[in-house]
Amino acid sequence: MTNISILIRVFSIIVMFFSSMTISNELASQSDVQQRLQSNEIAISQNELVYIQTDIGQIVIQLTDLQSPLATAQFKNLVNDQFYNGQTFYRVIEGFVAQGGEREYNKGVTKDTKFRSTLPAEFTQKIVDTHSFQVVQSPDLFAPETGFWKGFPAGRDLTTNEQWLLHCPGTVALARNNDPNSATTEFYIVIGQAPRHLDRNMSIIGRVIDGMSVAQAMPRGDRNNGGIVEPTSLSTKIINAKIGSEMNKEKQISYFIDNTKADKFQTRIKNARYKKAAFFVYPGNGNIDVCYHQPSITRK
C-alpha cells in the first residue's frame, strides 16, 4: 500500500470518527430535549430566588431577565448590597399593588448604595426565538397573542417583532415616575386583579412564587393619598432580602414549577377552554386568560 493510500485511509477513519461523534451528540441533545418535554415539573434555581423576610411573614420571588435584564440585574445587586434590609412596603393599594423600598425616595437619598443607577425603559424585547413562546390565546384583549415565554405569562406582537411579560397577580416590577427612563430602586408586587394596562409600560423583573398571602395581608394606604400607609408604624417592614444561592442550604426551599411544554400542562390548558364538569351550565367560549391559568408551583 502506498503512502498516499495510507493517508487517504487514515483521513477516512478520522472523518468517520468525528461524524459518529456529531451524530451521537445530536442524538444526546435530542434526548435531553425530549426528556425535558416529558418532565412535568422543572426545578427553580436558587440563583433565581429572592427570599424577602418581613415582620408578617416571608415572600419568595422568582427573578427573570427575559424582558428587563438591566432592571433585574440592578434589583439583584441591591438585594446583595442589603439595600432593602430595614425598608418597608410603604405604598399598598387595595386591589392593585404593594410597593417596597425607600419611603422617602422622592425626597432624596435615604440609604446609600452604589446600585442606584437610573435605568432605561425595558418594556418589551425583540423576538429572536419564536420557539421559546407558546401561544395560548389569539387574539387577547391587550395583545395580539398571549401565552408562555419560558414559563412566564407573556404577550407577543409579530407585526412589531416584540414580546413582553404580563401584569398578572404576583408580578414584580420596578416602579417609576412619568419618565419611562426613571426606574431606580423601588419595586412593586401586583396584589389585585391583573392590571394589564401596565403591560409594555413597566420593567417586569419576576413574580411571587410563595407568600402571596403575606403580600395580601399588608396594611393598605388611602387611595386619596396615593396608597401611602399612614401612620408609618403600620407599614410592613422588610427585615432582610437575600438571593437563594447566598443563603445557608438549610434555609433554602426547593421549588418546582409546571413545565408548560409537558403533556400534563397542555392537557390542563385544553380542558380549561371548555368546562365539561356537570356544575357548568355555560362551558366557556374557548378563550383562555393565561394570568388565571399560570403554571403551578410546589415546594418539596
Protein backbone atom coordinates (compact mmCIF):
# COMPACT_ATOMS: atom_id res chain seq x y z
CA MET A 1 0.00 0.00 0.00
CA THR A 2 1.40 3.38 -0.99
CA ASN A 3 1.90 6.26 1.40
CA ILE A 4 -0.91 8.17 -0.35
CA SER A 5 -3.30 5.25 0.11
CA ILE A 6 -2.43 5.03 3.78
CA LEU A 7 -3.03 8.76 4.26
CA ILE A 8 -6.40 8.53 2.49
CA ARG A 9 -7.46 5.61 4.68
CA VAL A 10 -6.38 7.38 7.89
CA PHE A 11 -8.23 10.52 6.82
CA SER A 12 -11.37 8.47 6.11
CA ILE A 13 -11.22 6.88 9.56
CA ILE A 14 -10.84 10.30 11.20
CA VAL A 15 -13.81 11.69 9.26
CA MET A 16 -15.94 8.67 10.20
CA PHE A 17 -14.95 9.07 13.87
CA PHE A 18 -15.93 12.74 14.10
CA SER A 19 -19.11 12.10 12.09
CA SER A 20 -20.15 9.43 14.57
CA MET A 21 -19.34 11.79 17.45
CA THR A 22 -21.52 14.52 15.87
CA ILE A 23 -24.41 12.11 15.39
CA SER A 24 -24.05 10.89 18.98
CA ASN A 25 -24.05 14.45 20.30
CA GLU A 26 -27.12 15.33 18.23
CA LEU A 27 -28.93 12.25 19.49
CA ALA A 28 -27.95 13.07 23.06
CA SER A 29 -29.16 16.64 22.61
CA GLN A 30 -32.47 15.45 21.15
CA SER A 31 -32.78 13.01 24.05
CA ASP A 32 -32.21 15.83 26.58
CA VAL A 33 -34.86 17.98 24.91
CA GLN A 34 -37.31 15.08 24.85
CA GLN A 35 -36.61 14.35 28.49
CA ARG A 36 -37.28 18.00 29.42
CA LEU A 37 -40.52 17.96 27.44
CA GLN A 38 -41.66 14.80 29.20
CA SER A 39 -40.86 16.15 32.66
CA ASN A 40 -43.98 17.59 34.27
CA GLU A 41 -42.00 19.86 36.61
CA ILE A 42 -38.85 21.93 36.42
CA ALA A 43 -36.69 22.82 39.43
CA ILE A 44 -36.19 26.55 40.02
CA SER A 45 -32.57 27.53 40.62
CA GLN A 46 -31.77 29.16 43.95
CA ASN A 47 -29.88 31.81 42.00
CA GLU A 48 -33.26 32.98 40.60
CA LEU A 49 -34.90 33.30 44.00
CA VAL A 50 -35.14 36.26 46.37
CA TYR A 51 -36.32 35.49 49.90
CA ILE A 52 -37.87 38.60 51.47
CA GLN A 53 -38.44 38.24 55.20
CA THR A 54 -40.98 40.74 56.52
CA ASP A 55 -42.33 41.27 60.01
CA ILE A 56 -45.52 39.43 58.99
CA GLY A 57 -44.02 36.54 57.01
CA GLN A 58 -41.83 35.55 54.08
CA ILE A 59 -42.28 36.33 50.37
CA VAL A 60 -40.28 34.45 47.74
CA ILE A 61 -39.74 35.98 44.29
CA GLN A 62 -38.53 34.21 41.17
CA LEU A 63 -36.47 36.62 39.08
CA THR A 64 -36.21 36.60 35.31
CA ASP A 65 -34.19 38.65 32.84
CA LEU A 66 -36.41 37.77 29.86
CA GLN A 67 -37.87 41.26 29.46
CA SER A 68 -35.81 43.61 31.63
CA PRO A 69 -32.25 42.28 32.10
CA LEU A 70 -30.78 45.59 33.31
CA ALA A 71 -33.56 46.11 35.87
CA THR A 72 -33.31 42.52 37.09
CA ALA A 73 -29.54 42.78 37.48
CA GLN A 74 -29.86 46.04 39.44
CA PHE A 75 -32.52 44.60 41.75
CA LYS A 76 -30.31 41.58 42.38
CA ASN A 77 -27.35 43.84 43.14
CA LEU A 78 -29.47 45.90 45.53
CA VAL A 79 -30.52 42.73 47.34
CA ASN A 80 -26.91 41.57 47.65
CA ASP A 81 -25.97 45.06 48.86
CA GLN A 82 -28.58 44.67 51.65
CA PHE A 83 -30.28 47.81 50.39
CA TYR A 84 -33.79 46.59 51.19
CA ASN A 85 -32.94 45.43 54.70
CA GLY A 86 -34.86 47.64 57.11
CA GLN A 87 -37.01 49.22 54.38
CA THR A 88 -40.81 48.92 54.21
CA PHE A 89 -43.74 48.27 51.91
CA TYR A 90 -44.83 51.87 52.31
CA ARG A 91 -47.38 52.15 49.48
CA VAL A 92 -50.10 49.49 49.39
CA ILE A 93 -53.25 49.99 47.33
CA GLU A 94 -56.19 47.64 47.71
CA GLY A 95 -56.78 45.62 44.55
CA PHE A 96 -53.63 46.99 42.88
CA VAL A 97 -50.03 46.85 44.16
CA ALA A 98 -47.76 46.73 47.20
CA GLN A 99 -44.68 48.92 46.68
CA GLY A 100 -41.50 48.45 48.66
CA GLY A 101 -38.24 50.32 49.17
CA GLU A 102 -37.42 53.82 50.41
CA ARG A 103 -40.45 55.56 51.82
CA GLU A 104 -38.82 58.95 51.19
CA TYR A 105 -37.23 58.03 47.85
CA ASN A 106 -38.74 61.10 46.16
CA LYS A 107 -37.31 63.47 48.78
CA GLY A 108 -33.70 62.49 48.48
CA VAL A 109 -31.42 59.55 49.17
CA THR A 110 -32.20 57.89 52.49
CA LYS A 111 -29.94 54.85 52.18
CA ASP A 112 -26.59 54.74 50.45
CA THR A 113 -25.85 52.22 47.69
CA LYS A 114 -23.69 52.15 44.59
CA PHE A 115 -26.52 50.45 42.68
CA ARG A 116 -28.85 53.42 42.32
CA SER A 117 -28.48 53.89 38.56
CA THR A 118 -31.43 55.37 36.70
CA LEU A 119 -32.43 52.64 34.28
CA PRO A 120 -33.55 52.84 30.66
CA ALA A 121 -37.04 51.58 29.90
CA GLU A 122 -37.17 47.83 29.24
CA PHE A 123 -40.83 47.35 28.40
CA THR A 124 -40.52 44.84 25.53
CA GLN A 125 -37.88 42.69 23.86
CA LYS A 126 -37.36 41.90 20.20
CA ILE A 127 -38.35 38.37 19.21
CA VAL A 128 -35.21 36.37 18.50
CA ASP A 129 -36.50 32.87 19.19
CA THR A 130 -40.06 32.03 18.18
CA HIS A 131 -39.77 28.52 19.66
CA SER A 132 -39.49 29.83 23.25
CA PHE A 133 -43.02 31.32 23.10
CA GLN A 134 -46.09 29.08 23.43
CA VAL A 135 -49.22 30.71 22.04
CA VAL A 136 -52.31 30.03 24.15
CA GLN A 137 -54.72 32.83 23.23
CA SER A 138 -55.00 34.76 19.97
CA PRO A 139 -56.17 37.45 19.99
CA ASP A 140 -56.07 38.59 23.61
CA LEU A 141 -57.82 41.69 24.95
CA PHE A 142 -54.49 43.52 25.41
CA ALA A 143 -52.23 41.75 22.91
CA PRO A 144 -52.37 40.06 19.51
CA GLU A 145 -51.21 36.86 21.21
CA THR A 146 -50.65 35.69 24.78
CA GLY A 147 -49.09 32.53 26.12
CA PHE A 148 -46.00 31.45 28.00
CA TRP A 149 -42.47 32.66 27.40
CA LYS A 150 -40.17 30.14 29.07
CA GLY A 151 -42.90 29.52 31.65
CA PHE A 152 -43.79 33.18 32.31
CA PRO A 153 -47.14 34.65 31.15
CA ALA A 154 -46.34 36.85 28.17
CA GLY A 155 -47.70 38.72 25.19
CA ARG A 156 -46.43 38.92 21.64
CA ASP A 157 -46.91 41.04 18.53
CA LEU A 158 -45.44 39.53 15.37
CA THR A 159 -46.14 42.69 13.35
CA THR A 160 -43.76 44.72 15.55
CA ASN A 161 -41.50 41.75 16.37
CA GLU A 162 -41.92 42.34 20.12
CA GLN A 163 -42.76 40.24 23.15
CA TRP A 164 -43.20 41.14 26.82
CA LEU A 165 -44.25 39.79 30.21
CA LEU A 166 -47.75 40.33 31.60
CA HIS A 167 -49.02 42.06 34.72
CA CYS A 168 -50.65 39.03 36.30
CA PRO A 169 -51.32 38.76 40.06
CA GLY A 170 -47.94 38.28 41.75
CA THR A 171 -45.94 40.02 39.02
CA VAL A 172 -42.94 42.00 40.32
CA ALA A 173 -41.67 45.10 38.52
CA LEU A 174 -39.68 48.26 39.17
CA ALA A 175 -41.67 51.40 39.91
CA ARG A 176 -41.05 54.70 38.09
CA ASN A 177 -42.47 58.19 37.66
CA ASN A 178 -43.84 59.66 34.41
CA ASP A 179 -40.43 59.46 32.76
CA PRO A 180 -40.12 55.98 31.18
CA ASN A 181 -36.39 56.02 32.00
CA SER A 182 -36.70 56.76 35.71
CA ALA A 183 -36.77 53.38 37.50
CA THR A 184 -34.06 53.01 40.15
CA THR A 185 -34.67 51.06 43.36
CA GLU A 186 -38.41 50.90 44.10
CA PHE A 187 -40.35 47.75 43.25
CA TYR A 188 -43.93 46.58 43.47
CA ILE A 189 -45.93 43.36 43.66
CA VAL A 190 -49.31 43.07 41.94
CA ILE A 191 -51.74 42.10 44.72
CA GLY A 192 -55.05 42.69 42.95
CA GLN A 193 -56.61 41.69 39.66
CA ALA A 194 -54.29 41.75 36.67
CA PRO A 195 -53.66 45.46 35.78
CA ARG A 196 -52.94 44.58 32.17
CA HIS A 197 -53.00 48.24 31.15
CA LEU A 198 -49.48 48.36 32.63
CA ASP A 199 -48.18 45.80 30.12
CA ARG A 200 -45.46 47.30 27.91
CA ASN A 201 -45.24 50.24 30.31
CA MET A 202 -43.10 48.86 33.14
CA SER A 203 -39.88 46.88 33.60
CA ILE A 204 -41.01 43.47 34.87
CA ILE A 205 -38.35 41.51 36.77
CA GLY A 206 -40.14 38.45 38.16
CA ARG A 207 -43.09 37.02 40.06
CA VAL A 208 -44.00 35.91 43.57
CA ILE A 209 -43.95 32.12 43.82
CA ASP A 210 -44.57 31.84 47.57
CA GLY A 211 -46.02 34.15 50.20
CA MET A 212 -48.77 35.94 48.27
CA SER A 213 -50.88 35.62 51.40
CA VAL A 214 -48.26 37.75 53.16
CA ALA A 215 -48.45 40.42 50.46
CA GLN A 216 -52.24 40.34 50.64
CA ALA A 217 -52.14 40.80 54.42
CA MET A 218 -50.20 44.09 54.31
CA PRO A 219 -51.99 47.15 55.74
CA ARG A 220 -53.45 49.34 52.98
CA GLY A 221 -52.96 53.02 52.42
CA ASP A 222 -55.58 55.57 51.45
CA ARG A 223 -56.04 55.78 47.67
CA ASN A 224 -56.61 59.51 48.02
CA ASN A 225 -53.08 59.73 49.43
CA GLY A 226 -51.52 57.62 46.69
CA GLY A 227 -51.76 54.48 48.80
CA ILE A 228 -49.10 55.67 51.28
CA VAL A 229 -49.54 53.71 54.51
CA GLU A 230 -50.14 56.03 57.47
CA PRO A 231 -49.04 56.13 60.18
CA THR A 232 -45.55 54.92 59.29
CA SER A 233 -45.62 52.37 62.10
CA LEU A 234 -48.28 50.39 60.22
CA SER A 235 -46.03 49.76 57.19
CA THR A 236 -44.93 46.18 56.66
CA LYS A 237 -41.21 46.06 57.45
CA ILE A 238 -38.61 44.25 55.33
CA ILE A 239 -36.31 42.58 57.83
CA ASN A 240 -33.98 41.30 55.12
CA ALA A 241 -33.87 40.20 51.49
CA LYS A 242 -31.46 37.55 50.22
CA ILE A 243 -30.68 35.71 46.99
CA GLY A 244 -31.33 31.99 47.50
CA SER A 245 -27.88 30.91 46.36
CA GLU A 246 -26.33 33.21 49.00
CA MET A 247 -28.29 31.63 51.86
CA ASN A 248 -27.39 28.67 54.04
CA LYS A 249 -28.67 25.47 52.43
CA GLU A 250 -30.81 24.61 55.43
CA LYS A 251 -32.78 27.83 54.86
CA GLN A 252 -33.26 27.28 51.13
CA ILE A 253 -36.60 25.94 49.92
CA SER A 254 -36.81 23.67 46.87
CA TYR A 255 -39.42 24.94 44.40
CA PHE A 256 -40.68 23.19 41.29
CA ILE A 257 -42.80 24.74 38.55
CA ASP A 258 -45.05 23.09 35.98
CA ASN A 259 -43.35 22.53 32.65
CA THR A 260 -45.67 24.43 30.30
CA LYS A 261 -44.46 22.30 27.37
CA ALA A 262 -45.26 18.99 29.04
CA ASP A 263 -48.35 17.00 28.04
CA LYS A 264 -49.82 17.35 31.55
CA PHE A 265 -49.90 21.15 31.42
CA GLN A 266 -51.03 21.21 27.80
CA THR A 267 -53.94 18.93 28.74
CA ARG A 268 -54.83 21.30 31.58
CA ILE A 269 -54.96 24.25 29.16
CA LYS A 270 -57.01 22.26 26.65
CA ASN A 271 -59.56 21.25 29.30
CA ALA A 272 -59.79 24.85 30.54
CA ARG A 273 -61.15 26.07 27.20
CA TYR A 274 -64.45 24.23 27.63
CA LYS A 275 -65.59 23.13 31.09
CA LYS A 276 -67.08 19.64 30.96
CA ALA A 277 -67.92 19.18 34.65
CA ALA A 278 -71.62 18.79 35.50
CA PHE A 279 -71.53 22.03 37.51
CA PHE A 280 -71.10 24.24 34.43
CA VAL A 281 -74.21 25.33 32.55
CA TYR A 282 -72.13 27.53 30.25
CA PRO A 283 -68.87 25.71 29.40
CA GLY A 284 -66.98 28.76 28.12
CA ASN A 285 -66.17 30.13 24.67
CA GLY A 286 -62.76 28.55 24.21
CA ASN A 287 -60.76 31.64 25.24
CA ILE A 288 -58.03 31.40 27.86
CA ASP A 289 -56.76 34.00 30.36
CA VAL A 290 -53.13 33.00 30.88
CA CYS A 291 -53.00 35.02 34.10
CA TYR A 292 -55.67 32.72 35.52
CA HIS A 293 -54.09 29.54 34.20
CA GLN A 294 -50.47 30.04 35.28
CA PRO A 295 -48.21 27.04 35.91
CA SER A 296 -48.46 25.67 39.44
CA ILE A 297 -45.53 25.87 41.82
CA THR A 298 -44.85 23.30 44.54
CA ARG A 299 -42.45 23.06 47.48
CA LYS A 300 -40.52 19.86 48.05
